[in-house]
Amino acid sequence: MHPMLKPALRRGWRDLDTVQFGVTPAHALTLGPVDRATGGFLDLLDGTRGPALLREEGRRLGLPEGQVDRLLTRLADAGLLDDARGGGPAAAALREKKEVMDRLRPDLASLSLVARRPGEDAGRLAARRDLRVRVHGAGRVGTMLAALLSGAGIGEVDVRDKGCVEPWDVAPGGLQAGAVGERRETAARRVVRGAAPDRPPRPARRAGSAAGEPGHALVILAPRDDIAVHAPDPADVAELMAAGTPHLYAGVVEAVGVVGPLVLPGQTGCAGCLHRFRTDRDGAWPRLVAQWRSRAPRHVRACDLTLAATVAGLAAAHALAFLDGATPSSADARWEVSAPGLNWHARPVPPHPHCPCGAAREPVSDDTSVRDGPRATMAGQRPSSASCPPADAARLAGTWRAHV
């Protein structure tokens, strides 16, 4: 291990013996009391030294015996320490690709803020290269979303759609003007390849995949048809549900952006659950949906560039969070945003007790407005109103005082 303080966190002195790591309340921590020798030692945690050399440097600075190991342990436990050589063989191989790493350094820095263990961020970034994701829909949202995932290091992003590129499909970061008239799949896949940092090796075969082809870690449904966004048809994902393949919905309908739900088959609410809850609340819902689906889809839909980019960005962020091992808030909700307020709000999509998906393990209340209350807003974190408890002068330097 070659310890280093996470470079994504800015460091500053709150007073003569207290160091603050991080600027934002989401990640900031304070360390104190810190004497001059320990403060100087922190500057040496830059990833260029192993533990033995760090202990030697600690003795040279006059730190007590064992103080270096205790400090490293506390920094690691607090999530402030990274390992410049961590992440396993795949991460080591990725670090050898300097040009690729230079493209991905901002992504690695972001991962370091959510990964707790030293080297975990590099391991997650390297693991992305073995993943396969499919995006259904090569319009303004789908193509941009696929490009974002490819640029973030996902190894294979396949885009599926029919027809040819129309002038109104063109968008910065998505389909280009020169692709008008070209097959959608061909044009979208070219955008995806152009966004990729490199061409990683094809991942190994996964158990249960057909014809030796590795399975998809996630399928994203970003239909150009606005009715398919607003009222997704459970029949369209029957194969995904049967195979247990996670899938995420994203799109724009009548200038309203939608992200979610992220469906984990058998665990979270699905398109069938969504349809049944809507029918429970509105008896006319099935009749309306049947009329909307029977009419020819509109060629041009209300999907402006900024809204398409907003939806693509949020959907890609939720997808990456899931692919990196977390469970984003879209796992049981649809996030929606509309003009002119542009405030994201969540509409819960819990498992329906009568849906054949089987995700409901107990009866679900018809009133879903009170479910998962903390997820009903995407407002940023705010500092706690509680004051920091005073530091215990008897404690050794390197102990934690409080969250900021």
Foldseek 3Di string as FASTA:
>chain_A
DQKAFQPLWDWDAPDQQKIWTHDDLVQIFIFDRHDPLNVVLNVVRHQPDDPVVSQVSSVVSPHDPPPVVLLVVLCLQSLGMAHPCAQPPLLNVVVVVPLLCVLQVVVLSVLSRVDRGHRLSSNLLSVQLAAEEEEEAQAQQRLLLLLVSQLNRRQYYAYDDFDADDCNRDAVSGAHPVRGPPTRRVRSVVSNCVNHSHHGDHHAADPPDPPRHHDHQEYEYEHPFQLCQVQPDPVVCVVCLVVQHWYWYWYDAQQKTKTAQTERQLAWFDSQLVQVLVCVVPVCSVVVSVVSVVDDGDPDGPQDRVSSNVRSVVNSVCVSCVSSPHHDPSNFWMWMAHPDVRFTFTDGRGHDPPDPSNNDPDHDDSPCPPPPVVRGHPDDDDDDPDDWDDDDPPDDGSDTGDRD
